[in-house]
Amino acid sequence: MRILVTNDDGIHAEGLAVLERIARQLSDDVWVVAPETDQSGVAHSLSLSNPLRLRQIEEKRFAVQGTPTDCVIMAVRAVMKEARPDLVLSGVNRGSNVAEDVTYSGTIAAAMEGTLLGVPSIAVSQAYMPGNRDSIRWDCAESHAPGIIRRLLEEGIPEGVLFNLNFPNAGPDEVEGVAVTVQGRRDQEIVQLEPRKDGRGNPYYWIAFQRSGKEPANGTDLKALAEKRISITPLELDLTHEPTLTRFARLFA
């Protein structure tokens, strides 16, 4: 199996090294094509106004001046053109990608692009407690991800579907199980703007986040992580809402 490893945190991210080790437990043919710099939050964006610059670091390891989506395209259409990957693994992201994070995440976007290109794809993220960004339990994802990925591949990933894996903020032996979940929903008050002023007194803003006191709904990715369970969420590329489609098709018939 030929595996493409990518991420959105950049080529030097600790989580990327973790994912490489995970991939090497599955195959000895592992390629890395990742962004030159941190691309967190860029979602499924393409670089249309700038050229994509490719830098080879070592054998089967490349950095791209572009987004995670650019990296997957570059890998499939150029770097690995002679023998396409059989699997795309994106991550391990520093922090969970759950609920509305799905629409912002470059980690998930890379897996989306792999899926669009016809390659089975899985996004992997590791949760951590707020304020403990430098004390992430990478060993949780590294211990449990290989077995879960093997089982997903053995069962078969449907066309047009990708898997979003999130590992709880816990040691490998503290995990309470695995949950197949739906995408949750946070309280939208969690996103705030923090106003500041520069040295000349001109205003500028940082997007900031605050913890939500809302109890996550049962069956969601948020609930699974809160209960120290591994969350597996299948995501579909087709965003059409079928009930509304049927309703308005009748209206305009």
C-alpha atoms as a PDB file:
ATOM      1  CA  MET A   1       0.000   0.000   0.000  1.00  0.00           C
ATOM      2  CA  ARG A   2       1.340   3.418  -0.997  1.00  0.00           C
ATOM      3  CA  ILE A   3       0.441   6.076   1.567  1.00  0.00           C
ATOM      4  CA  LEU A   4       0.478   9.863   1.185  1.00  0.00           C
ATOM      5  CA  VAL A   5       0.889  11.745   4.478  1.00  0.00           C
ATOM      6  CA  THR A   6       0.018  15.444   4.695  1.00  0.00           C
ATOM      7  CA  ASN A   7      -1.299  17.991   7.190  1.00  0.00           C
ATOM      8  CA  ASP A   8      -2.176  21.649   7.738  1.00  0.00           C
ATOM      9  CA  ASP A   9       0.220  22.423  10.611  1.00  0.00           C
ATOM     10  CA  GLY A  10       3.211  22.402   8.273  1.00  0.00           C
ATOM     11  CA  ILE A  11       6.154  20.217   7.300  1.00  0.00           C
ATOM     12  CA  HIS A  12       7.923  20.695  10.646  1.00  0.00           C
ATOM     13  CA  ALA A  13       4.896  19.921  12.856  1.00  0.00           C
ATOM     14  CA  GLU A  14       5.277  17.320  15.581  1.00  0.00           C
ATOM     15  CA  GLY A  15       1.946  15.770  14.629  1.00  0.00           C
ATOM     16  CA  LEU A  16       3.192  15.114  11.097  1.00  0.00           C
ATOM     17  CA  ALA A  17       6.080  13.067  12.475  1.00  0.00           C
ATOM     18  CA  VAL A  18       3.566  11.134  14.593  1.00  0.00           C
ATOM     19  CA  LEU A  19       1.444  10.408  11.522  1.00  0.00           C
ATOM     20  CA  GLU A  20       4.505   9.242   9.601  1.00  0.00           C
ATOM     21  CA  ARG A  21       5.183   6.700  12.335  1.00  0.00           C
ATOM     22  CA  ILE A  22       1.537   5.603  12.225  1.00  0.00           C
ATOM     23  CA  ALA A  23       1.715   5.221   8.437  1.00  0.00           C
ATOM     24  CA  ARG A  24       4.910   3.150   8.668  1.00  0.00           C
ATOM     25  CA  GLN A  25       3.060   0.645  10.844  1.00  0.00           C
ATOM     26  CA  LEU A  26       0.739   0.129   7.865  1.00  0.00           C
ATOM     27  CA  SER A  27       3.210   0.228   4.962  1.00  0.00           C
ATOM     28  CA  ASP A  28       6.872   0.700   4.070  1.00  0.00           C
ATOM     29  CA  ASP A  29       5.937   2.934   1.102  1.00  0.00           C
ATOM     30  CA  VAL A  30       5.178   6.263   2.789  1.00  0.00           C
ATOM     31  CA  TRP A  31       5.399   9.645   1.049  1.00  0.00           C
ATOM     32  CA  VAL A  32       5.134  13.051   2.732  1.00  0.00           C
ATOM     33  CA  VAL A  33       3.902  16.143   0.879  1.00  0.00           C
ATOM     34  CA  ALA A  34       3.004  18.883   3.364  1.00  0.00           C
ATOM     35  CA  PRO A  35       2.743  22.691   3.511  1.00  0.00           C
ATOM     36  CA  GLU A  36       5.955  24.670   3.927  1.00  0.00           C
ATOM     37  CA  THR A  37       4.291  26.742   6.682  1.00  0.00           C
ATOM     38  CA  ASP A  38       1.349  26.470   9.077  1.00  0.00           C
ATOM     39  CA  GLN A  39      -1.930  26.482   7.114  1.00  0.00           C
ATOM     40  CA  SER A  40      -4.382  25.940   9.971  1.00  0.00           C
ATOM     41  CA  GLY A  41      -7.899  27.195   9.261  1.00  0.00           C
ATOM     42  CA  VAL A  42      -7.483  27.612   5.514  1.00  0.00           C
ATOM     43  CA  ALA A  43     -10.234  25.025   4.891  1.00  0.00           C
ATOM     44  CA  HIS A  44     -10.505  23.665   1.328  1.00  0.00           C
ATOM     45  CA  SER A  45      -8.787  26.613  -0.338  1.00  0.00           C
ATOM     46  CA  LEU A  46      -6.659  26.536  -3.487  1.00  0.00           C
ATOM     47  CA  SER A  47      -3.733  28.781  -4.418  1.00  0.00           C
ATOM     48  CA  LEU A  48      -5.029  30.318  -7.636  1.00  0.00           C
ATOM     49  CA  SER A  49      -3.099  33.603  -7.654  1.00  0.00           C
ATOM     50  CA  ASN A  50       0.316  32.261  -6.615  1.00  0.00           C
ATOM     51  CA  PRO A  51       2.531  29.521  -8.080  1.00  0.00           C
ATOM     52  CA  LEU A  52       3.012  26.292  -6.164  1.00  0.00           C
ATOM     53  CA  ARG A  53       6.681  25.920  -5.258  1.00  0.00           C
ATOM     54  CA  LEU A  54       7.869  22.408  -4.455  1.00  0.00           C
ATOM     55  CA  ARG A  55      10.934  21.711  -2.304  1.00  0.00           C
ATOM     56  CA  GLN A  56      12.324  18.206  -1.905  1.00  0.00           C
ATOM     57  CA  ILE A  57      13.681  17.675   1.602  1.00  0.00           C
ATOM     58  CA  GLU A  58      14.765  14.068   1.239  1.00  0.00           C
ATOM     59  CA  GLU A  59      13.619  10.922  -0.536  1.00  0.00           C
ATOM     60  CA  LYS A  60       9.808  10.714  -0.555  1.00  0.00           C
ATOM     61  CA  ARG A  61       9.532  13.923   1.501  1.00  0.00           C
ATOM     62  CA  PHE A  62       8.458  17.277   0.014  1.00  0.00           C
ATOM     63  CA  ALA A  63       7.288  20.704   1.164  1.00  0.00           C
ATOM     64  CA  VAL A  64       4.870  22.849  -0.845  1.00  0.00           C
ATOM     65  CA  GLN A  65       4.347  26.600  -0.602  1.00  0.00           C
ATOM     66  CA  GLY A  66       0.594  26.235  -0.601  1.00  0.00           C
ATOM     67  CA  THR A  67      -2.453  24.931   1.203  1.00  0.00           C
ATOM     68  CA  PRO A  68      -3.192  21.351   2.294  1.00  0.00           C
ATOM     69  CA  THR A  69      -5.449  21.010  -0.752  1.00  0.00           C
ATOM     70  CA  ASP A  70      -2.588  22.172  -2.975  1.00  0.00           C
ATOM     71  CA  CYS A  71      -0.347  19.545  -1.365  1.00  0.00           C
ATOM     72  CA  VAL A  72      -2.680  16.666  -2.175  1.00  0.00           C
ATOM     73  CA  ILE A  73      -3.104  17.855  -5.757  1.00  0.00           C
ATOM     74  CA  MET A  74       0.657  18.273  -6.112  1.00  0.00           C
ATOM     75  CA  ALA A  75       1.252  14.785  -4.715  1.00  0.00           C
ATOM     76  CA  VAL A  76      -1.316  12.978  -6.864  1.00  0.00           C
ATOM     77  CA  ARG A  77      -0.826  14.954 -10.080  1.00  0.00           C
ATOM     78  CA  ALA A  78       2.949  15.458  -9.969  1.00  0.00           C
ATOM     79  CA  VAL A  79       5.107  13.956  -7.213  1.00  0.00           C
ATOM     80  CA  MET A  80       3.384  10.544  -7.237  1.00  0.00           C
ATOM     81  CA  LYS A  81       2.027  10.757 -10.762  1.00  0.00           C
ATOM     82  CA  GLU A  82       3.618   7.492 -11.920  1.00  0.00           C
ATOM     83  CA  ALA A  83       2.028   5.528  -9.058  1.00  0.00           C
ATOM     84  CA  ARG A  84      -0.858   7.214  -7.253  1.00  0.00           C
ATOM     85  CA  PRO A  85      -1.326   6.750  -3.500  1.00  0.00           C
ATOM     86  CA  ASP A  86      -3.704   4.080  -2.235  1.00  0.00           C
ATOM     87  CA  LEU A  87      -4.453   6.052   0.927  1.00  0.00           C
ATOM     88  CA  VAL A  88      -4.265   9.668   2.089  1.00  0.00           C
ATOM     89  CA  LEU A  89      -3.656  10.310   5.799  1.00  0.00           C
ATOM     90  CA  SER A  90      -3.938  13.921   6.983  1.00  0.00           C
ATOM     91  CA  GLY A  91      -2.731  15.079  10.410  1.00  0.00           C
ATOM     92  CA  VAL A  92      -2.092  14.402  13.173  1.00  0.00           C
ATOM     93  CA  ASN A  93      -3.619  17.795  13.839  1.00  0.00           C
ATOM     94  CA  ARG A  94      -2.644  19.715  16.966  1.00  0.00           C
ATOM     95  CA  GLY A  95      -6.103  19.872  18.537  1.00  0.00           C
ATOM     96  CA  SER A  96      -9.415  18.246  17.740  1.00  0.00           C
ATOM     97  CA  ASN A  97     -11.369  18.826  14.532  1.00  0.00           C
ATOM     98  CA  VAL A  98     -14.979  18.324  15.564  1.00  0.00           C
ATOM     99  CA  ALA A  99     -18.347  20.064  15.164  1.00  0.00           C
ATOM    100  CA  GLU A 100     -18.038  23.217  13.022  1.00  0.00           C
ATOM    101  CA  ASP A 101     -14.246  22.790  12.880  1.00  0.00           C
ATOM    102  CA  VAL A 102     -14.994  20.513   9.923  1.00  0.00           C
ATOM    103  CA  THR A 103     -15.772  23.523   7.724  1.00  0.00           C
ATOM    104  CA  TYR A 104     -12.606  25.409   8.694  1.00  0.00           C
ATOM    105  CA  SER A 105     -10.036  22.633   8.998  1.00  0.00           C
ATOM    106  CA  GLY A 106      -7.209  22.295   6.510  1.00  0.00           C
ATOM    107  CA  THR A 107      -6.569  18.819   7.935  1.00  0.00           C
ATOM    108  CA  ILE A 108     -10.019  17.656   6.901  1.00  0.00           C
ATOM    109  CA  ALA A 109      -9.790  19.568   3.615  1.00  0.00           C
ATOM    110  CA  ALA A 110      -6.726  17.556   2.605  1.00  0.00           C
ATOM    111  CA  ALA A 111      -8.709  14.358   3.173  1.00  0.00           C
ATOM    112  CA  MET A 112     -11.594  15.855   1.200  1.00  0.00           C
ATOM    113  CA  GLU A 113      -9.291  16.545  -1.736  1.00  0.00           C
ATOM    114  CA  GLY A 114      -7.953  13.013  -1.618  1.00  0.00           C
ATOM    115  CA  THR A 115     -11.521  11.732  -1.701  1.00  0.00           C
ATOM    116  CA  LEU A 116     -12.358  14.001  -4.644  1.00  0.00           C
ATOM    117  CA  LEU A 117      -9.366  12.540  -6.491  1.00  0.00           C
ATOM    118  CA  GLY A 118     -10.629   9.019  -5.857  1.00  0.00           C
ATOM    119  CA  VAL A 119      -8.200   8.064  -3.078  1.00  0.00           C
ATOM    120  CA  PRO A 120      -9.511   6.680   0.257  1.00  0.00           C
ATOM    121  CA  SER A 121      -8.737   9.372   2.819  1.00  0.00           C
ATOM    122  CA  ILE A 122      -8.705   9.766   6.584  1.00  0.00           C
ATOM    123  CA  ALA A 123      -8.181  12.885   8.740  1.00  0.00           C
ATOM    124  CA  VAL A 124      -6.581  12.388  12.165  1.00  0.00           C
ATOM    125  CA  SER A 125      -6.593  14.870  15.064  1.00  0.00           C
ATOM    126  CA  GLN A 126      -5.446  14.803  18.693  1.00  0.00           C
ATOM    127  CA  ALA A 127      -7.397  16.770  21.309  1.00  0.00           C
ATOM    128  CA  TYR A 128      -5.759  18.649  24.167  1.00  0.00           C
ATOM    129  CA  MET A 129      -6.967  20.679  27.118  1.00  0.00           C
ATOM    130  CA  PRO A 130      -7.149  24.477  26.658  1.00  0.00           C
ATOM    131  CA  GLY A 131      -3.959  26.042  27.940  1.00  0.00           C
ATOM    132  CA  ASN A 132      -1.961  22.826  27.446  1.00  0.00           C
ATOM    133  CA  ARG A 133      -1.009  23.291  23.802  1.00  0.00           C
ATOM    134  CA  ASP A 134       2.554  22.219  24.530  1.00  0.00           C
ATOM    135  CA  SER A 135       1.556  19.092  26.498  1.00  0.00           C
ATOM    136  CA  ILE A 136      -0.305  17.080  23.891  1.00  0.00           C
ATOM    137  CA  ARG A 137      -0.803  13.339  24.377  1.00  0.00           C
ATOM    138  CA  TRP A 138       0.428  12.325  20.915  1.00  0.00           C
ATOM    139  CA  ASP A 139       0.861   8.793  22.273  1.00  0.00           C
ATOM    140  CA  CYS A 140      -2.941   8.395  22.311  1.00  0.00           C
ATOM    141  CA  ALA A 141      -3.268   8.789  18.535  1.00  0.00           C
ATOM    142  CA  GLU A 142      -0.035   6.950  17.842  1.00  0.00           C
ATOM    143  CA  SER A 143      -1.124   3.926  19.890  1.00  0.00           C
ATOM    144  CA  HIS A 144      -4.691   3.597  18.655  1.00  0.00           C
ATOM    145  CA  ALA A 145      -4.735   4.994  15.098  1.00  0.00           C
ATOM    146  CA  PRO A 146      -2.998   2.110  13.275  1.00  0.00           C
ATOM    147  CA  GLY A 147      -5.532  -0.489  14.420  1.00  0.00           C
ATOM    148  CA  ILE A 148      -8.520   1.748  13.675  1.00  0.00           C
ATOM    149  CA  ILE A 149      -7.216   2.652  10.215  1.00  0.00           C
ATOM    150  CA  ARG A 150      -6.624  -1.025   9.429  1.00  0.00           C
ATOM    151  CA  ARG A 151     -10.212  -1.885  10.387  1.00  0.00           C
ATOM    152  CA  LEU A 152     -11.633   0.964   8.300  1.00  0.00           C
ATOM    153  CA  LEU A 153      -9.642  -0.170   5.269  1.00  0.00           C
ATOM    154  CA  GLU A 154     -10.613  -3.815   5.757  1.00  0.00           C
ATOM    155  CA  GLU A 155     -14.291  -2.863   5.915  1.00  0.00           C
ATOM    156  CA  GLY A 156     -13.922  -0.567   2.904  1.00  0.00           C
ATOM    157  CA  ILE A 157     -14.332   3.206   2.619  1.00  0.00           C
ATOM    158  CA  PRO A 158     -17.308   4.081   0.385  1.00  0.00           C
ATOM    159  CA  GLU A 159     -16.753   6.298  -2.641  1.00  0.00           C
ATOM    160  CA  GLY A 160     -17.305   9.963  -1.836  1.00  0.00           C
ATOM    161  CA  VAL A 161     -16.844   9.419   1.914  1.00  0.00           C
ATOM    162  CA  LEU A 162     -13.908  10.283   4.171  1.00  0.00           C
ATOM    163  CA  PHE A 163     -13.359   9.496   7.835  1.00  0.00           C
ATOM    164  CA  ASN A 164     -12.644  12.083  10.516  1.00  0.00           C
ATOM    165  CA  LEU A 165     -10.813  10.515  13.477  1.00  0.00           C
ATOM    166  CA  ASN A 166     -10.432  12.430  16.735  1.00  0.00           C
ATOM    167  CA  PHE A 167      -8.499  11.130  19.722  1.00  0.00           C
ATOM    168  CA  PRO A 168      -9.348  12.321  23.248  1.00  0.00           C
ATOM    169  CA  ASN A 169      -7.068  14.173  25.613  1.00  0.00           C
ATOM    170  CA  ALA A 170      -6.031  11.013  27.434  1.00  0.00           C
ATOM    171  CA  GLY A 171      -3.234   8.508  27.722  1.00  0.00           C
ATOM    172  CA  PRO A 172      -3.516   5.375  25.565  1.00  0.00           C
ATOM    173  CA  ASP A 173      -4.670   3.280  28.557  1.00  0.00           C
ATOM    174  CA  GLU A 174      -7.223   5.890  29.655  1.00  0.00           C
ATOM    175  CA  VAL A 175      -9.319   5.704  26.474  1.00  0.00           C
ATOM    176  CA  GLU A 176     -12.855   4.528  27.263  1.00  0.00           C
ATOM    177  CA  GLY A 177     -13.611   3.047  23.851  1.00  0.00           C
ATOM    178  CA  VAL A 178     -14.505   3.989  20.293  1.00  0.00           C
ATOM    179  CA  ALA A 179     -17.661   5.775  19.124  1.00  0.00           C
ATOM    180  CA  VAL A 180     -18.933   6.179  15.570  1.00  0.00           C
ATOM    181  CA  THR A 181     -20.424   9.655  15.762  1.00  0.00           C
ATOM    182  CA  VAL A 182     -22.241  12.431  13.964  1.00  0.00           C
ATOM    183  CA  GLN A 183     -20.829  15.925  13.612  1.00  0.00           C
ATOM    184  CA  GLY A 184     -21.714  17.950  16.709  1.00  0.00           C
ATOM    185  CA  ARG A 185     -22.648  21.584  17.153  1.00  0.00           C
ATOM    186  CA  ARG A 186     -21.154  24.046  19.608  1.00  0.00           C
ATOM    187  CA  ASP A 187     -22.675  27.172  21.091  1.00  0.00           C
ATOM    188  CA  GLN A 188     -21.808  29.869  18.535  1.00  0.00           C
ATOM    189  CA  GLU A 189     -20.890  32.270  21.337  1.00  0.00           C
ATOM    190  CA  ILE A 190     -17.626  30.328  21.531  1.00  0.00           C
ATOM    191  CA  VAL A 191     -16.168  32.494  18.723  1.00  0.00           C
ATOM    192  CA  GLN A 192     -15.263  35.999  19.873  1.00  0.00           C
ATOM    193  CA  LEU A 193     -13.359  39.031  18.577  1.00  0.00           C
ATOM    194  CA  GLU A 194     -10.633  40.433  20.789  1.00  0.00           C
ATOM    195  CA  PRO A 195     -10.081  44.146  20.020  1.00  0.00           C
ATOM    196  CA  ARG A 196      -6.587  45.639  20.302  1.00  0.00           C
ATOM    197  CA  LYS A 197      -4.705  48.731  19.173  1.00  0.00           C
ATOM    198  CA  ASP A 198      -1.354  48.963  17.458  1.00  0.00           C
ATOM    199  CA  GLY A 199       1.462  51.361  18.358  1.00  0.00           C
ATOM    200  CA  ARG A 200      -0.249  54.195  16.459  1.00  0.00           C
ATOM    201  CA  GLY A 201      -3.588  53.683  18.137  1.00  0.00           C
ATOM    202  CA  ASN A 202      -5.211  52.010  15.133  1.00  0.00           C
ATOM    203  CA  PRO A 203      -7.629  49.208  15.985  1.00  0.00           C
ATOM    204  CA  TYR A 204      -7.135  45.588  14.969  1.00  0.00           C
ATOM    205  CA  TYR A 205      -8.740  42.319  16.040  1.00  0.00           C
ATOM    206  CA  TRP A 206      -7.844  38.726  16.861  1.00  0.00           C
ATOM    207  CA  ILE A 207     -10.369  35.926  16.487  1.00  0.00           C
ATOM    208  CA  ALA A 208     -10.531  34.318  19.930  1.00  0.00           C
ATOM    209  CA  PHE A 209     -12.321  31.348  21.447  1.00  0.00           C
ATOM    210  CA  GLN A 210     -13.883  30.714  24.825  1.00  0.00           C
ATOM    211  CA  ARG A 211     -14.971  27.442  26.366  1.00  0.00           C
ATOM    212  CA  SER A 212     -18.621  26.530  26.003  1.00  0.00           C
ATOM    213  CA  GLY A 213     -20.634  25.491  29.042  1.00  0.00           C
ATOM    214  CA  LYS A 214     -23.162  23.711  26.847  1.00  0.00           C
ATOM    215  CA  GLU A 215     -23.480  19.956  27.322  1.00  0.00           C
ATOM    216  CA  PRO A 216     -22.689  18.175  24.026  1.00  0.00           C
ATOM    217  CA  ALA A 217     -25.465  16.073  22.530  1.00  0.00           C
ATOM    218  CA  ASN A 218     -25.360  12.286  22.747  1.00  0.00           C
ATOM    219  CA  GLY A 219     -23.939  10.529  19.708  1.00  0.00           C
ATOM    220  CA  THR A 220     -21.785  13.485  18.639  1.00  0.00           C
ATOM    221  CA  ASP A 221     -18.034  13.809  18.191  1.00  0.00           C
ATOM    222  CA  LEU A 222     -18.010  16.399  20.993  1.00  0.00           C
ATOM    223  CA  LYS A 223     -19.660  13.967  23.422  1.00  0.00           C
ATOM    224  CA  ALA A 224     -17.260  11.164  22.535  1.00  0.00           C
ATOM    225  CA  LEU A 225     -14.183  13.265  23.301  1.00  0.00           C
ATOM    226  CA  ALA A 226     -15.728  14.546  26.531  1.00  0.00           C
ATOM    227  CA  GLU A 227     -16.134  10.899  27.604  1.00  0.00           C
ATOM    228  CA  LYS A 228     -12.531  10.047  26.602  1.00  0.00           C
ATOM    229  CA  ARG A 229     -13.667   7.974  23.644  1.00  0.00           C
ATOM    230  CA  ILE A 230     -12.176   7.960  20.159  1.00  0.00           C
ATOM    231  CA  SER A 231     -14.558   9.595  17.686  1.00  0.00           C
ATOM    232  CA  ILE A 232     -14.967   8.230  14.150  1.00  0.00           C
ATOM    233  CA  THR A 233     -17.177  10.404  11.940  1.00  0.00           C
ATOM    234  CA  PRO A 234     -17.899   9.527   8.309  1.00  0.00           C
ATOM    235  CA  LEU A 235     -18.205  12.716   6.232  1.00  0.00           C
ATOM    236  CA  GLU A 236     -19.835  12.906   2.818  1.00  0.00           C
ATOM    237  CA  LEU A 237     -18.659  15.206   0.030  1.00  0.00           C
ATOM    238  CA  ASP A 238     -22.181  15.696  -1.318  1.00  0.00           C
ATOM    239  CA  LEU A 239     -23.546  18.625   0.739  1.00  0.00           C
ATOM    240  CA  THR A 240     -27.026  18.482  -0.782  1.00  0.00           C
ATOM    241  CA  HIS A 241     -29.792  18.479   1.836  1.00  0.00           C
ATOM    242  CA  GLU A 242     -32.181  15.919   0.345  1.00  0.00           C
ATOM    243  CA  PRO A 243     -35.391  16.785   2.293  1.00  0.00           C
ATOM    244  CA  THR A 244     -35.115  20.455   1.302  1.00  0.00           C
ATOM    245  CA  LEU A 245     -34.297  19.477  -2.278  1.00  0.00           C
ATOM    246  CA  THR A 246     -37.504  17.443  -2.475  1.00  0.00           C
ATOM    247  CA  ARG A 247     -39.583  20.168  -0.828  1.00  0.00           C
ATOM    248  CA  PHE A 248     -38.456  22.957  -3.159  1.00  0.00           C
ATOM    249  CA  ALA A 249     -38.496  20.742  -6.242  1.00  0.00           C
ATOM    250  CA  ARG A 250     -42.221  20.316  -5.596  1.00  0.00           C
ATOM    251  CA  LEU A 251     -42.592  24.073  -5.052  1.00  0.00           C
ATOM    252  CA  PHE A 252     -41.066  24.938  -8.420  1.00  0.00           C
ATOM    253  CA  ALA A 253     -42.480  22.001 -10.385  1.00  0.00           C
END
